[in-house]
Amino acid sequence: MPSTTLETGKVPVEEAARRRLRFGILGAARIVPTALIDPATRLDFDIVSVAARDPERAKDFAATHGIGSASRSYTELLERDDLDAVYIPLPAVYRHEWTLRALERGLHVLAEKPIAMDAGQAREMVDHAEARGLVLAEGFHYIFHPMFARALELLAQGTVGEIEHVDAMFDLALSPGPESAIYLDPALGGGALLHQGCYVLHTIRSLTGAEPQVDRASTVVGETGVDESVEADLVLPTGATARASASMAPDAQWLMRATVRGSQAVMTLDNFIGPHYGNVDPAFAGRISLVAGGRSVLEESFTGETTYTYQLRAFCDAVLGGPSLPVQGAGAVANMTLLDRVRAAAG
């Protein structure tokens, strides 16, 4: 994945009348600048404080990224009275506990994916949020980008016809460094299924608008005891089929692709999880192509604002009374339920 900082300009927020939301961050993770700090800067929202397991790490992180303060612990951050929402990029195993604590403090939550370790945890988290009238969103950022909206539009228009089969793939070797260690630790919720497989299962559900059943699944377990790759064959209520696959093995090549084969055409989405990386290198731009009758009938390319910018804008709109999000509520529980079923089928 390109590492160059994306410079796409300040996003206008019509929003002069909009109240500035105030965020806290639970965890000084590598994804935070991309997923929250840069979008918050573009959208003119405030990041008030960050907390980490090590208070010194939190101080260094705050200083590096221009965050006003560093809290000495996660608990201390949640006890502040100047926050509206928190972003939780903690390892998957901790998201349940700290999401519940944030909700109990009356804070809206944007949690990294997967939202929990299993569907039971996800249901408890969603129930807490809904009982308190709070927004709890799972960070499937790609779904908010115009590229994915365009794909859903083409499907709704009948351009592809009746869906017969969907393939969704996400292969990407782990980047070297200590930040990647959490994905290799079973105790922290590591493994390809939770780290990358959650994306492709979510993609299949989102493209089809249906809840598939698991026909078969398999994993390849690495030296650390986590699954380095996963593959699942699914069956949709219509009888259509789907295959989800993901790999974080050392030899995995960059591949983020979804293909929908329909009765009228085949639609392919390339680099749909991070289409904005085309701003760094055109080879990484998001692309939608349609082939019908053996010939190309559509080719569209997407770059522009980051998926995370669109996600944060939608999250803040929901917090301020706008439309609910497709990554809230029952959808988050359903995706976790499908993850559980793939895990069980893989043994």
Protein backbone atom coordinates (compact mmCIF):
# COMPACT_ATOMS: atom_id res chain seq x y z
CA MET A 1 0.00 0.00 0.00
CA PRO A 2 1.44 3.42 -0.84
CA SER A 3 2.65 5.23 2.24
CA THR A 4 2.96 8.75 0.81
CA THR A 5 0.73 11.27 2.59
CA LEU A 6 -2.28 12.12 0.47
CA GLU A 7 -2.81 15.80 -0.25
CA THR A 8 -6.31 16.26 -1.63
CA GLY A 9 -7.15 19.65 -0.20
CA LYS A 10 -9.42 20.92 2.53
CA VAL A 11 -12.94 19.58 2.34
CA PRO A 12 -15.52 22.35 2.47
CA VAL A 13 -17.94 21.82 5.35
CA GLU A 14 -21.26 23.63 4.61
CA GLU A 15 -21.28 23.27 8.00
CA ALA A 16 -20.52 26.70 9.10
CA ALA A 17 -23.57 26.28 11.24
CA ARG A 18 -22.58 22.78 12.22
CA ARG A 19 -21.32 22.24 15.74
CA ARG A 20 -17.69 21.14 15.88
CA LEU A 21 -17.59 17.59 17.17
CA ARG A 22 -14.93 16.75 19.75
CA PHE A 23 -13.15 13.40 19.54
CA GLY A 24 -11.01 11.34 21.86
CA ILE A 25 -8.83 8.46 20.68
CA LEU A 26 -8.42 5.19 22.57
CA GLY A 27 -5.16 3.79 21.28
CA ALA A 28 -2.16 5.39 19.55
CA ALA A 29 -2.33 2.99 16.61
CA ARG A 30 -0.65 3.36 13.22
CA ILE A 31 -4.01 3.72 11.45
CA VAL A 32 -5.08 6.77 13.50
CA PRO A 33 -3.51 9.53 11.33
CA THR A 34 -5.08 8.09 8.17
CA ALA A 35 -8.43 7.07 9.62
CA LEU A 36 -9.13 10.02 11.91
CA ILE A 37 -6.57 12.80 12.23
CA ASP A 38 -6.31 13.73 8.56
CA PRO A 39 -10.09 13.52 7.89
CA ALA A 40 -10.86 15.47 11.08
CA THR A 41 -8.46 18.21 9.98
CA ARG A 42 -10.07 18.42 6.53
CA LEU A 43 -13.56 18.46 7.99
CA ASP A 44 -12.66 20.92 10.75
CA PHE A 45 -13.50 18.71 13.74
CA ASP A 46 -11.56 18.72 17.00
CA ILE A 47 -9.38 15.93 18.37
CA VAL A 48 -9.18 16.72 22.05
CA SER A 49 -7.08 13.92 23.55
CA VAL A 50 -5.44 10.56 22.94
CA ALA A 51 -4.74 7.70 25.36
CA ALA A 52 -2.44 4.71 25.06
CA ARG A 53 -1.39 1.82 27.29
CA ASP A 54 1.87 3.70 27.87
CA PRO A 55 1.25 7.35 28.92
CA GLU A 56 4.59 8.39 27.42
CA ARG A 57 3.59 6.93 24.08
CA ALA A 58 0.36 8.93 24.27
CA LYS A 59 2.34 12.12 24.97
CA ASP A 60 4.68 11.50 22.04
CA PHE A 61 1.75 10.69 19.75
CA ALA A 62 -0.10 13.85 20.76
CA ALA A 63 2.98 15.99 20.20
CA THR A 64 3.70 14.43 16.80
CA HIS A 65 0.16 14.85 15.52
CA GLY A 66 -0.83 18.17 17.07
CA ILE A 67 -3.36 16.77 19.52
CA GLY A 68 -4.09 19.11 22.40
CA SER A 69 -3.56 16.69 25.26
CA ALA A 70 -2.64 13.15 26.21
CA SER A 71 -4.66 11.28 28.83
CA ARG A 72 -2.83 9.06 31.29
CA SER A 73 -5.16 6.10 30.69
CA TYR A 74 -8.18 5.03 28.67
CA THR A 75 -10.33 5.51 31.76
CA GLU A 76 -9.07 9.05 32.30
CA LEU A 77 -9.87 9.93 28.69
CA LEU A 78 -13.43 8.62 28.99
CA GLU A 79 -13.96 10.64 32.15
CA ARG A 80 -13.36 13.94 30.35
CA ASP A 81 -16.39 16.21 30.01
CA ASP A 82 -15.30 17.81 26.73
CA LEU A 83 -15.87 14.89 24.32
CA ASP A 84 -18.73 14.00 22.00
CA ALA A 85 -17.29 10.81 20.49
CA VAL A 86 -14.37 8.42 20.62
CA TYR A 87 -12.51 6.53 17.94
CA ILE A 88 -11.39 3.04 19.02
CA PRO A 89 -8.57 1.47 16.98
CA LEU A 90 -7.59 -0.92 19.80
CA PRO A 91 -6.97 -4.60 18.95
CA ALA A 92 -10.19 -6.48 18.28
CA VAL A 93 -10.13 -8.27 21.63
CA TYR A 94 -10.48 -4.94 23.50
CA ARG A 95 -13.18 -3.26 21.41
CA HIS A 96 -16.10 -4.80 23.28
CA GLU A 97 -14.99 -3.62 26.74
CA TRP A 98 -13.97 -0.10 25.77
CA THR A 99 -16.91 0.50 23.48
CA LEU A 100 -19.29 -0.39 26.30
CA ARG A 101 -17.41 1.92 28.67
CA ALA A 102 -17.57 4.77 26.17
CA LEU A 103 -21.28 4.25 25.57
CA GLU A 104 -21.92 4.23 29.31
CA ARG A 105 -20.27 7.65 29.42
CA GLY A 106 -22.73 8.87 26.79
CA LEU A 107 -20.17 9.01 23.98
CA HIS A 108 -20.74 8.10 20.35
CA VAL A 109 -18.28 5.49 19.06
CA LEU A 110 -16.50 4.90 15.76
CA ALA A 111 -14.84 1.50 16.21
CA GLU A 112 -12.40 -0.19 13.91
CA LYS A 113 -13.47 -3.37 12.20
CA PRO A 114 -14.31 -6.03 13.12
CA ILE A 115 -16.44 -4.41 15.77
CA ALA A 116 -15.96 -7.30 18.21
CA MET A 117 -14.65 -10.84 18.60
CA ASP A 118 -18.00 -12.53 18.00
CA ALA A 119 -21.67 -11.84 17.32
CA GLY A 120 -22.63 -12.07 21.00
CA GLN A 121 -20.30 -9.19 21.84
CA ALA A 122 -21.51 -7.22 18.84
CA ARG A 123 -25.14 -7.64 19.85
CA GLU A 124 -24.43 -6.41 23.39
CA MET A 125 -22.58 -3.36 22.02
CA VAL A 126 -25.35 -2.50 19.57
CA ASP A 127 -28.05 -2.94 22.23
CA HIS A 128 -26.19 -0.56 24.57
CA ALA A 129 -25.84 2.06 21.83
CA GLU A 130 -29.45 1.86 20.73
CA ALA A 131 -30.77 1.97 24.31
CA ARG A 132 -28.87 5.22 24.84
CA GLY A 133 -29.63 6.77 21.46
CA LEU A 134 -25.93 6.83 20.56
CA VAL A 135 -24.19 6.17 17.26
CA LEU A 136 -21.98 3.08 17.23
CA ALA A 137 -20.39 2.63 13.81
CA GLU A 138 -18.08 -0.09 12.52
CA GLY A 139 -15.23 1.25 10.39
CA PHE A 140 -15.94 -0.23 6.96
CA HIS A 141 -14.85 3.04 5.42
CA TYR A 142 -14.89 1.92 1.76
CA ILE A 143 -18.68 1.72 1.67
CA PHE A 144 -18.96 5.52 1.98
CA HIS A 145 -16.80 6.29 -1.07
CA PRO A 146 -18.47 7.36 -4.36
CA MET A 147 -16.87 4.34 -6.03
CA PHE A 148 -18.87 1.89 -3.96
CA ALA A 149 -21.98 4.04 -4.24
CA ARG A 150 -21.58 3.88 -8.01
CA ALA A 151 -21.30 0.09 -7.92
CA LEU A 152 -24.51 -0.15 -5.90
CA GLU A 153 -26.19 2.23 -8.34
CA LEU A 154 -25.24 0.05 -11.32
CA LEU A 155 -26.59 -3.02 -9.57
CA ALA A 156 -29.84 -1.24 -8.66
CA GLN A 157 -30.28 -0.13 -12.28
CA GLY A 158 -30.20 -3.76 -13.40
CA THR A 159 -27.08 -3.23 -15.49
CA VAL A 160 -25.61 -6.52 -14.29
CA GLY A 161 -28.91 -8.38 -14.27
CA GLU A 162 -29.67 -11.07 -11.72
CA ILE A 163 -26.63 -11.83 -9.62
CA GLU A 164 -25.29 -15.33 -10.21
CA HIS A 165 -21.92 -15.26 -8.43
CA VAL A 166 -19.76 -12.83 -6.44
CA ASP A 167 -16.03 -13.07 -5.77
CA ALA A 168 -14.44 -10.79 -3.17
CA MET A 169 -10.70 -10.88 -2.45
CA PHE A 170 -8.38 -8.97 -0.15
CA ASP A 171 -4.76 -10.08 -0.19
CA LEU A 172 -2.07 -7.93 1.38
CA ALA A 173 1.07 -9.05 3.21
CA LEU A 174 1.54 -7.53 6.64
CA SER A 175 3.88 -4.56 6.78
CA PRO A 176 6.99 -5.29 8.86
CA GLY A 177 7.19 -3.71 12.30
CA PRO A 178 5.81 -3.97 15.83
CA GLU A 179 2.39 -2.60 14.82
CA SER A 180 1.77 -5.77 12.80
CA ALA A 181 2.39 -8.03 15.80
CA ILE A 182 -1.23 -7.74 16.96
CA TYR A 183 -2.39 -9.41 13.74
CA LEU A 184 -0.15 -12.40 14.47
CA ASP A 185 -1.32 -12.89 18.05
CA PRO A 186 -4.37 -15.15 18.60
CA ALA A 187 -4.93 -13.61 22.03
CA LEU A 188 -5.43 -10.16 20.49
CA GLY A 189 -7.83 -11.25 17.76
CA GLY A 190 -5.21 -11.66 15.06
CA GLY A 191 -5.53 -13.57 11.82
CA ALA A 192 -6.64 -13.04 8.24
CA LEU A 193 -10.32 -13.75 8.91
CA LEU A 194 -10.75 -10.95 11.44
CA HIS A 195 -8.21 -8.56 9.90
CA GLN A 196 -9.07 -8.83 6.18
CA GLY A 197 -11.77 -11.46 5.81
CA CYS A 198 -14.24 -9.21 7.60
CA TYR A 199 -13.93 -6.82 4.63
CA VAL A 200 -14.71 -9.33 1.91
CA LEU A 201 -17.64 -10.85 3.79
CA HIS A 202 -18.99 -7.34 4.35
CA THR A 203 -18.49 -6.58 0.65
CA ILE A 204 -20.48 -9.63 -0.46
CA ARG A 205 -23.31 -8.74 1.92
CA SER A 206 -23.27 -5.12 0.75
CA LEU A 207 -23.23 -5.85 -2.98
CA THR A 208 -25.98 -8.45 -2.80
CA GLY A 209 -28.11 -6.92 -0.05
CA ALA A 210 -28.51 -10.41 1.35
CA GLU A 211 -27.32 -12.59 4.22
CA PRO A 212 -25.49 -15.64 2.83
CA GLN A 213 -25.07 -19.06 4.36
CA VAL A 214 -21.68 -20.75 4.59
CA ASP A 215 -21.22 -23.82 2.40
CA ARG A 216 -17.58 -24.53 3.25
CA ALA A 217 -14.57 -22.68 4.60
CA SER A 218 -10.88 -23.32 5.14
CA THR A 219 -7.87 -21.56 6.63
CA VAL A 220 -4.10 -21.88 6.51
CA VAL A 221 -2.58 -21.43 9.96
CA GLY A 222 0.83 -19.79 10.31
CA GLU A 223 3.64 -20.30 12.78
CA THR A 224 2.16 -17.95 15.38
CA GLY A 225 -1.12 -19.86 15.50
CA VAL A 226 -3.30 -17.42 13.59
CA ASP A 227 -4.87 -18.01 10.19
CA GLU A 228 -2.69 -16.44 7.50
CA SER A 229 -5.32 -16.99 4.84
CA VAL A 230 -9.00 -17.85 4.69
CA GLU A 231 -11.41 -18.91 1.96
CA ALA A 232 -15.18 -19.42 2.19
CA ASP A 233 -17.84 -20.53 -0.27
CA LEU A 234 -21.23 -18.99 0.39
CA VAL A 235 -24.78 -19.46 -0.85
CA LEU A 236 -27.25 -16.58 -1.13
CA PRO A 237 -31.00 -16.91 -0.51
CA THR A 238 -31.61 -16.68 -4.28
CA GLY A 239 -29.37 -19.68 -4.93
CA ALA A 240 -26.55 -17.49 -6.24
CA THR A 241 -23.09 -18.30 -4.92
CA ALA A 242 -20.16 -16.30 -3.59
CA ARG A 243 -16.55 -16.82 -2.63
CA ALA A 244 -14.67 -14.76 -0.07
CA SER A 245 -10.91 -15.01 0.28
CA ALA A 246 -8.21 -13.10 2.15
CA SER A 247 -4.52 -13.54 2.83
CA MET A 248 -1.94 -11.71 4.91
CA ALA A 249 0.79 -14.30 4.26
CA PRO A 250 4.31 -12.94 3.68
CA ASP A 251 4.07 -13.67 -0.05
CA ALA A 252 0.59 -12.18 -0.51
CA GLN A 253 0.39 -9.64 -3.33
CA TRP A 254 -1.76 -6.48 -3.31
CA LEU A 255 -5.26 -7.52 -4.40
CA MET A 256 -8.50 -5.77 -3.49
CA ARG A 257 -11.07 -6.92 -5.99
CA ALA A 258 -14.75 -7.79 -6.13
CA THR A 259 -16.40 -9.32 -9.18
CA VAL A 260 -20.14 -9.65 -9.67
CA ARG A 261 -21.25 -12.01 -12.42
CA GLY A 262 -24.84 -11.41 -13.45
CA SER A 263 -27.23 -12.56 -16.13
CA GLN A 264 -26.52 -9.43 -18.20
CA ALA A 265 -22.93 -8.44 -17.47
CA VAL A 266 -19.88 -8.89 -15.27
CA MET A 267 -18.89 -5.97 -13.03
CA THR A 268 -15.40 -5.78 -11.54
CA LEU A 269 -14.28 -3.45 -8.77
CA ASP A 270 -10.50 -3.04 -8.47
CA ASN A 271 -8.83 -1.39 -5.47
CA PHE A 272 -12.26 -0.56 -4.05
CA ILE A 273 -11.08 -0.61 -0.42
CA GLY A 274 -8.63 2.25 -1.00
CA PRO A 275 -9.44 3.97 -4.31
CA HIS A 276 -7.90 7.23 -3.06
CA TYR A 277 -4.41 5.72 -3.27
CA GLY A 278 -4.66 6.55 -6.94
CA ASN A 279 -3.75 10.07 -5.84
CA VAL A 280 -0.30 8.70 -5.03
CA ASP A 281 0.05 6.21 -7.89
CA PRO A 282 -2.53 5.87 -10.72
CA ALA A 283 -2.02 2.11 -10.62
CA PHE A 284 -3.79 2.06 -7.26
CA ALA A 285 -6.86 4.02 -8.34
CA GLY A 286 -10.26 2.44 -7.81
CA ARG A 287 -11.81 1.17 -11.03
CA ILE A 288 -15.19 -0.19 -12.06
CA SER A 289 -15.49 -2.09 -15.31
CA LEU A 290 -18.46 -3.73 -16.98
CA VAL A 291 -18.24 -6.43 -19.62
CA ALA A 292 -21.35 -7.60 -21.47
CA GLY A 293 -21.46 -10.01 -24.35
CA GLY A 294 -17.70 -10.29 -24.33
CA ARG A 295 -17.06 -6.56 -24.83
CA SER A 296 -16.30 -3.69 -22.51
CA VAL A 297 -19.29 -1.41 -21.97
CA LEU A 298 -18.05 0.74 -19.07
CA GLU A 299 -14.72 1.82 -17.52
CA GLU A 300 -14.66 4.31 -14.65
CA SER A 301 -11.79 5.38 -12.42
CA PHE A 302 -12.00 6.87 -8.92
CA THR A 303 -9.53 8.73 -6.68
CA GLY A 304 -10.46 11.94 -4.84
CA GLU A 305 -11.01 12.24 -1.12
CA THR A 306 -10.06 9.33 1.09
CA THR A 307 -12.61 6.72 2.05
CA TYR A 308 -11.97 7.76 5.66
CA THR A 309 -12.98 11.34 4.92
CA TYR A 310 -16.32 10.19 3.55
CA GLN A 311 -16.73 7.87 6.53
CA LEU A 312 -16.04 10.56 9.12
CA ARG A 313 -18.39 13.01 7.42
CA ALA A 314 -21.18 10.41 7.43
CA PHE A 315 -20.48 9.48 11.05
CA CYS A 316 -20.63 13.09 12.18
CA ASP A 317 -23.83 13.68 10.21
CA ALA A 318 -25.40 10.70 11.98
CA VAL A 319 -24.26 11.98 15.38
CA LEU A 320 -25.82 15.35 14.62
CA GLY A 321 -29.18 13.84 13.73
CA GLY A 322 -28.68 12.90 10.10
CA PRO A 323 -29.35 9.54 8.43
CA SER A 324 -28.31 6.37 10.22
CA LEU A 325 -25.36 4.48 8.76
CA PRO A 326 -25.21 1.12 6.96
CA VAL A 327 -22.49 0.10 9.44
CA GLN A 328 -24.69 0.57 12.51
CA GLY A 329 -27.02 -1.73 14.37
CA ALA A 330 -28.21 -4.98 12.86
CA GLY A 331 -25.70 -4.80 10.00
CA ALA A 332 -22.75 -4.92 12.41
CA VAL A 333 -24.25 -7.93 14.20
CA ALA A 334 -25.00 -9.69 10.90
CA ASN A 335 -21.43 -9.29 9.66
CA MET A 336 -20.05 -10.65 12.92
CA THR A 337 -22.52 -13.56 12.71
CA LEU A 338 -21.21 -14.44 9.25
CA LEU A 339 -17.62 -14.24 10.52
CA ASP A 340 -18.54 -16.65 13.32
CA ARG A 341 -20.06 -19.11 10.84
CA VAL A 342 -17.00 -19.01 8.58
CA ARG A 343 -14.76 -19.60 11.60
CA ALA A 344 -16.89 -22.54 12.71
CA ALA A 345 -16.98 -24.06 9.22
CA ALA A 346 -13.21 -23.76 8.92
CA GLY A 347 -12.81 -25.64 12.19
